[in-house]
Amino acid sequence: MGAMADGRNGRPGLCPTLLYADAKAAVRQLTEALGFRELALYEGENGTVAHAELTQGGGVVMLGSKKGDGGVFAEAMRDAGPAGVYVVVEDTDAHHARAVEHGVEILLPPTDTDYGSRDYMARDIEGNVWSFGTYAPAIPD
């Protein structure tokens, strides 16, 4: 799998951040159906997800609850629409099969692209579009 690190001891240099109305359900779907691994999950006093970190393929996505602490980021993202994130996976077909098994909405089945990747596209429980495939951009030193 392609790494998303920028040479800082394996730490990713880019972390997409998404807010969910039901962040706990999003964490469940992303881990159980889409193969992410939970690194951290912090709950707020009201039981919402204040901050979570999930990893896959050397990258990290951070997420939280829309009705969190009411901080600057939450306010800025309050009316934000769905986002799209691309995740590098080793076996697109196996990853897709796992997503289908868990009832994930598939927008595009595994497809070979003209740029040499095998990709599929899915929508999560709150409308974010996740693309999974074998294409890993090269970052020059």
C-alpha atoms as a PDB file:
ATOM      1  CA  MET A   1       0.000   0.000   0.000  1.00  0.00           C
ATOM      2  CA  GLY A   2       1.137   3.520  -0.677  1.00  0.00           C
ATOM      3  CA  ALA A   3       2.151   5.549   2.328  1.00  0.00           C
ATOM      4  CA  MET A   4       0.958   9.078   2.931  1.00  0.00           C
ATOM      5  CA  ALA A   5       3.926  10.054   5.098  1.00  0.00           C
ATOM      6  CA  ASP A   6       6.191  12.974   4.333  1.00  0.00           C
ATOM      7  CA  GLY A   7       9.287  11.612   6.046  1.00  0.00           C
ATOM      8  CA  ARG A   8       8.274  12.559   9.581  1.00  0.00           C
ATOM      9  CA  ASN A   9       8.797   9.145  11.202  1.00  0.00           C
ATOM     10  CA  GLY A  10       5.863   7.546   9.372  1.00  0.00           C
ATOM     11  CA  ARG A  11       3.390  10.246  10.371  1.00  0.00           C
ATOM     12  CA  PRO A  12       0.981  11.270   7.625  1.00  0.00           C
ATOM     13  CA  GLY A  13       1.415  14.706   6.140  1.00  0.00           C
ATOM     14  CA  LEU A  14      -2.241  15.004   5.131  1.00  0.00           C
ATOM     15  CA  CYS A  15      -5.305  14.007   7.174  1.00  0.00           C
ATOM     16  CA  PRO A  16      -8.792  14.545   5.749  1.00  0.00           C
ATOM     17  CA  THR A  17     -11.203  15.583   8.496  1.00  0.00           C
ATOM     18  CA  LEU A  18     -14.941  14.868   8.372  1.00  0.00           C
ATOM     19  CA  LEU A  19     -17.811  15.652  10.715  1.00  0.00           C
ATOM     20  CA  TYR A  20     -20.839  13.371  11.085  1.00  0.00           C
ATOM     21  CA  ALA A  21     -24.260  13.742  12.681  1.00  0.00           C
ATOM     22  CA  ASP A  22     -23.697  10.223  14.090  1.00  0.00           C
ATOM     23  CA  ALA A  23     -19.928   9.875  14.332  1.00  0.00           C
ATOM     24  CA  LYS A  24     -20.146   6.652  16.373  1.00  0.00           C
ATOM     25  CA  ALA A  25     -22.097   4.981  13.533  1.00  0.00           C
ATOM     26  CA  ALA A  26     -19.582   6.356  11.022  1.00  0.00           C
ATOM     27  CA  VAL A  27     -16.678   4.861  12.990  1.00  0.00           C
ATOM     28  CA  ARG A  28     -18.485   1.499  13.062  1.00  0.00           C
ATOM     29  CA  GLN A  29     -19.107   1.556   9.298  1.00  0.00           C
ATOM     30  CA  LEU A  30     -15.597   2.698   8.422  1.00  0.00           C
ATOM     31  CA  THR A  31     -13.956   0.053  10.632  1.00  0.00           C
ATOM     32  CA  GLU A  32     -16.300  -2.897  10.152  1.00  0.00           C
ATOM     33  CA  ALA A  33     -17.290  -2.447   6.504  1.00  0.00           C
ATOM     34  CA  LEU A  34     -14.464  -0.463   4.962  1.00  0.00           C
ATOM     35  CA  GLY A  35     -11.468  -1.890   6.802  1.00  0.00           C
ATOM     36  CA  PHE A  36     -10.170   1.122   8.700  1.00  0.00           C
ATOM     37  CA  ARG A  37      -8.437   0.586  12.043  1.00  0.00           C
ATOM     38  CA  GLU A  38      -9.286   2.822  14.989  1.00  0.00           C
ATOM     39  CA  LEU A  39      -6.262   4.641  16.398  1.00  0.00           C
ATOM     40  CA  ALA A  40      -8.050   6.925  18.849  1.00  0.00           C
ATOM     41  CA  LEU A  41     -11.554   7.883  19.907  1.00  0.00           C
ATOM     42  CA  TYR A  42     -12.286  10.641  22.400  1.00  0.00           C
ATOM     43  CA  GLU A  43     -15.809  11.329  23.580  1.00  0.00           C
ATOM     44  CA  GLY A  44     -17.125  14.690  24.700  1.00  0.00           C
ATOM     45  CA  GLU A  45     -19.013  15.199  27.929  1.00  0.00           C
ATOM     46  CA  ASN A  46     -22.303  14.819  26.049  1.00  0.00           C
ATOM     47  CA  GLY A  47     -21.317  11.380  24.676  1.00  0.00           C
ATOM     48  CA  THR A  48     -20.566  12.592  21.151  1.00  0.00           C
ATOM     49  CA  VAL A  49     -17.308  11.832  19.391  1.00  0.00           C
ATOM     50  CA  ALA A  50     -15.073  14.830  20.070  1.00  0.00           C
ATOM     51  CA  HIS A  51     -12.242  13.398  17.940  1.00  0.00           C
ATOM     52  CA  ALA A  52     -11.451  10.060  16.313  1.00  0.00           C
ATOM     53  CA  GLU A  53      -8.519   8.903  14.211  1.00  0.00           C
ATOM     54  CA  LEU A  54      -8.807   5.971  11.809  1.00  0.00           C
ATOM     55  CA  THR A  55      -6.031   4.557   9.650  1.00  0.00           C
ATOM     56  CA  GLN A  56      -5.711   2.572   6.467  1.00  0.00           C
ATOM     57  CA  GLY A  57      -2.779   2.133   4.128  1.00  0.00           C
ATOM     58  CA  GLY A  58      -0.451   4.540   5.899  1.00  0.00           C
ATOM     59  CA  GLY A  59      -3.008   7.359   5.869  1.00  0.00           C
ATOM     60  CA  VAL A  60      -5.205   8.769   8.601  1.00  0.00           C
ATOM     61  CA  VAL A  61      -8.686  10.266   8.535  1.00  0.00           C
ATOM     62  CA  MET A  62      -9.872  12.283  11.507  1.00  0.00           C
ATOM     63  CA  LEU A  63     -13.541  12.649  12.325  1.00  0.00           C
ATOM     64  CA  GLY A  64     -15.915  13.935  14.928  1.00  0.00           C
ATOM     65  CA  SER A  65     -19.515  14.785  15.711  1.00  0.00           C
ATOM     66  CA  LYS A  66     -21.231  17.745  14.067  1.00  0.00           C
ATOM     67  CA  LYS A  67     -22.827  18.539  17.413  1.00  0.00           C
ATOM     68  CA  GLY A  68     -19.568  18.489  19.299  1.00  0.00           C
ATOM     69  CA  ASP A  69     -18.035  21.225  21.387  1.00  0.00           C
ATOM     70  CA  GLY A  70     -19.128  24.046  19.088  1.00  0.00           C
ATOM     71  CA  GLY A  71     -15.518  25.035  18.348  1.00  0.00           C
ATOM     72  CA  VAL A  72     -14.290  27.019  15.368  1.00  0.00           C
ATOM     73  CA  PHE A  73     -13.855  23.948  13.120  1.00  0.00           C
ATOM     74  CA  ALA A  74     -17.325  22.609  13.937  1.00  0.00           C
ATOM     75  CA  GLU A  75     -18.830  26.005  13.202  1.00  0.00           C
ATOM     76  CA  ALA A  76     -16.927  26.336   9.921  1.00  0.00           C
ATOM     77  CA  MET A  77     -18.053  22.836   8.856  1.00  0.00           C
ATOM     78  CA  ARG A  78     -21.654  23.199  10.084  1.00  0.00           C
ATOM     79  CA  ASP A  79     -23.193  23.483   6.614  1.00  0.00           C
ATOM     80  CA  ALA A  80     -20.454  21.714   4.670  1.00  0.00           C
ATOM     81  CA  GLY A  81     -21.597  19.154   2.141  1.00  0.00           C
ATOM     82  CA  PRO A  82     -20.253  15.663   1.658  1.00  0.00           C
ATOM     83  CA  ALA A  83     -16.560  15.208   0.946  1.00  0.00           C
ATOM     84  CA  GLY A  84     -14.673  12.795  -1.281  1.00  0.00           C
ATOM     85  CA  VAL A  85     -11.631  10.843  -0.106  1.00  0.00           C
ATOM     86  CA  TYR A  86      -9.406   8.419  -2.067  1.00  0.00           C
ATOM     87  CA  VAL A  87      -7.819   5.532  -0.144  1.00  0.00           C
ATOM     88  CA  VAL A  88      -5.079   3.287  -1.520  1.00  0.00           C
ATOM     89  CA  VAL A  89      -5.751  -0.442  -1.021  1.00  0.00           C
ATOM     90  CA  GLU A  90      -3.798  -3.505  -2.133  1.00  0.00           C
ATOM     91  CA  ASP A  91      -6.750  -5.648  -3.271  1.00  0.00           C
ATOM     92  CA  THR A  92      -9.631  -3.601  -4.637  1.00  0.00           C
ATOM     93  CA  ASP A  93     -11.879  -6.608  -5.258  1.00  0.00           C
ATOM     94  CA  ALA A  94     -11.488  -8.037  -1.755  1.00  0.00           C
ATOM     95  CA  HIS A  95     -12.053  -4.598  -0.230  1.00  0.00           C
ATOM     96  CA  HIS A  96     -15.170  -4.134  -2.373  1.00  0.00           C
ATOM     97  CA  ALA A  97     -16.498  -7.571  -1.362  1.00  0.00           C
ATOM     98  CA  ARG A  98     -16.172  -6.634   2.316  1.00  0.00           C
ATOM     99  CA  ALA A  99     -18.051  -3.369   1.735  1.00  0.00           C
ATOM    100  CA  VAL A 100     -20.855  -5.164  -0.136  1.00  0.00           C
ATOM    101  CA  GLU A 101     -21.089  -7.788   2.617  1.00  0.00           C
ATOM    102  CA  HIS A 102     -21.738  -4.971   5.113  1.00  0.00           C
ATOM    103  CA  GLY A 103     -24.371  -3.268   2.948  1.00  0.00           C
ATOM    104  CA  VAL A 104     -22.333  -0.230   1.924  1.00  0.00           C
ATOM    105  CA  GLU A 105     -23.851   1.738  -0.964  1.00  0.00           C
ATOM    106  CA  ILE A 106     -21.642   1.098  -3.998  1.00  0.00           C
ATOM    107  CA  LEU A 107     -21.571   3.886  -6.590  1.00  0.00           C
ATOM    108  CA  LEU A 108     -19.108   2.252  -9.001  1.00  0.00           C
ATOM    109  CA  PRO A 109     -18.056  -1.413  -8.902  1.00  0.00           C
ATOM    110  CA  PRO A 110     -14.373  -2.366  -9.264  1.00  0.00           C
ATOM    111  CA  THR A 111     -13.188  -0.985 -12.582  1.00  0.00           C
ATOM    112  CA  ASP A 112      -9.844  -0.929 -14.374  1.00  0.00           C
ATOM    113  CA  THR A 113      -8.875   2.639 -15.227  1.00  0.00           C
ATOM    114  CA  ASP A 114      -6.921   3.948 -18.195  1.00  0.00           C
ATOM    115  CA  TYR A 115      -4.190   5.139 -15.791  1.00  0.00           C
ATOM    116  CA  GLY A 116      -3.471   1.621 -14.506  1.00  0.00           C
ATOM    117  CA  SER A 117      -5.470   1.539 -11.294  1.00  0.00           C
ATOM    118  CA  ARG A 118      -8.333  -0.682 -10.196  1.00  0.00           C
ATOM    119  CA  ASP A 119     -10.873   1.426  -8.294  1.00  0.00           C
ATOM    120  CA  TYR A 120     -14.359   1.330  -6.834  1.00  0.00           C
ATOM    121  CA  MET A 121     -16.482   4.032  -5.269  1.00  0.00           C
ATOM    122  CA  ALA A 122     -18.847   3.931  -2.280  1.00  0.00           C
ATOM    123  CA  ARG A 123     -21.004   6.342  -0.270  1.00  0.00           C
ATOM    124  CA  ASP A 124     -20.930   6.263   3.524  1.00  0.00           C
ATOM    125  CA  ILE A 125     -23.933   6.578   5.811  1.00  0.00           C
ATOM    126  CA  GLU A 126     -23.883  10.378   5.660  1.00  0.00           C
ATOM    127  CA  GLY A 127     -23.179  10.898   1.980  1.00  0.00           C
ATOM    128  CA  ASN A 128     -19.389  11.191   1.840  1.00  0.00           C
ATOM    129  CA  VAL A 129     -17.907   9.534  -1.237  1.00  0.00           C
ATOM    130  CA  TRP A 130     -15.020   7.137  -0.662  1.00  0.00           C
ATOM    131  CA  SER A 131     -12.921   5.849  -3.573  1.00  0.00           C
ATOM    132  CA  PHE A 132     -10.688   2.835  -2.980  1.00  0.00           C
ATOM    133  CA  GLY A 133      -8.072   1.678  -5.450  1.00  0.00           C
ATOM    134  CA  THR A 134      -4.556   0.668  -6.266  1.00  0.00           C
ATOM    135  CA  TYR A 135      -3.328   4.027  -7.569  1.00  0.00           C
ATOM    136  CA  ALA A 136      -0.745   5.573  -5.231  1.00  0.00           C
ATOM    137  CA  PRO A 137       0.688   8.909  -6.313  1.00  0.00           C
ATOM    138  CA  ALA A 138       4.470   9.117  -6.125  1.00  0.00           C
ATOM    139  CA  ILE A 139       5.820  11.965  -4.015  1.00  0.00           C
ATOM    140  CA  PRO A 140       9.271  13.033  -5.191  1.00  0.00           C
ATOM    141  CA  ASP A 141      11.957  13.519  -2.560  1.00  0.00           C
END
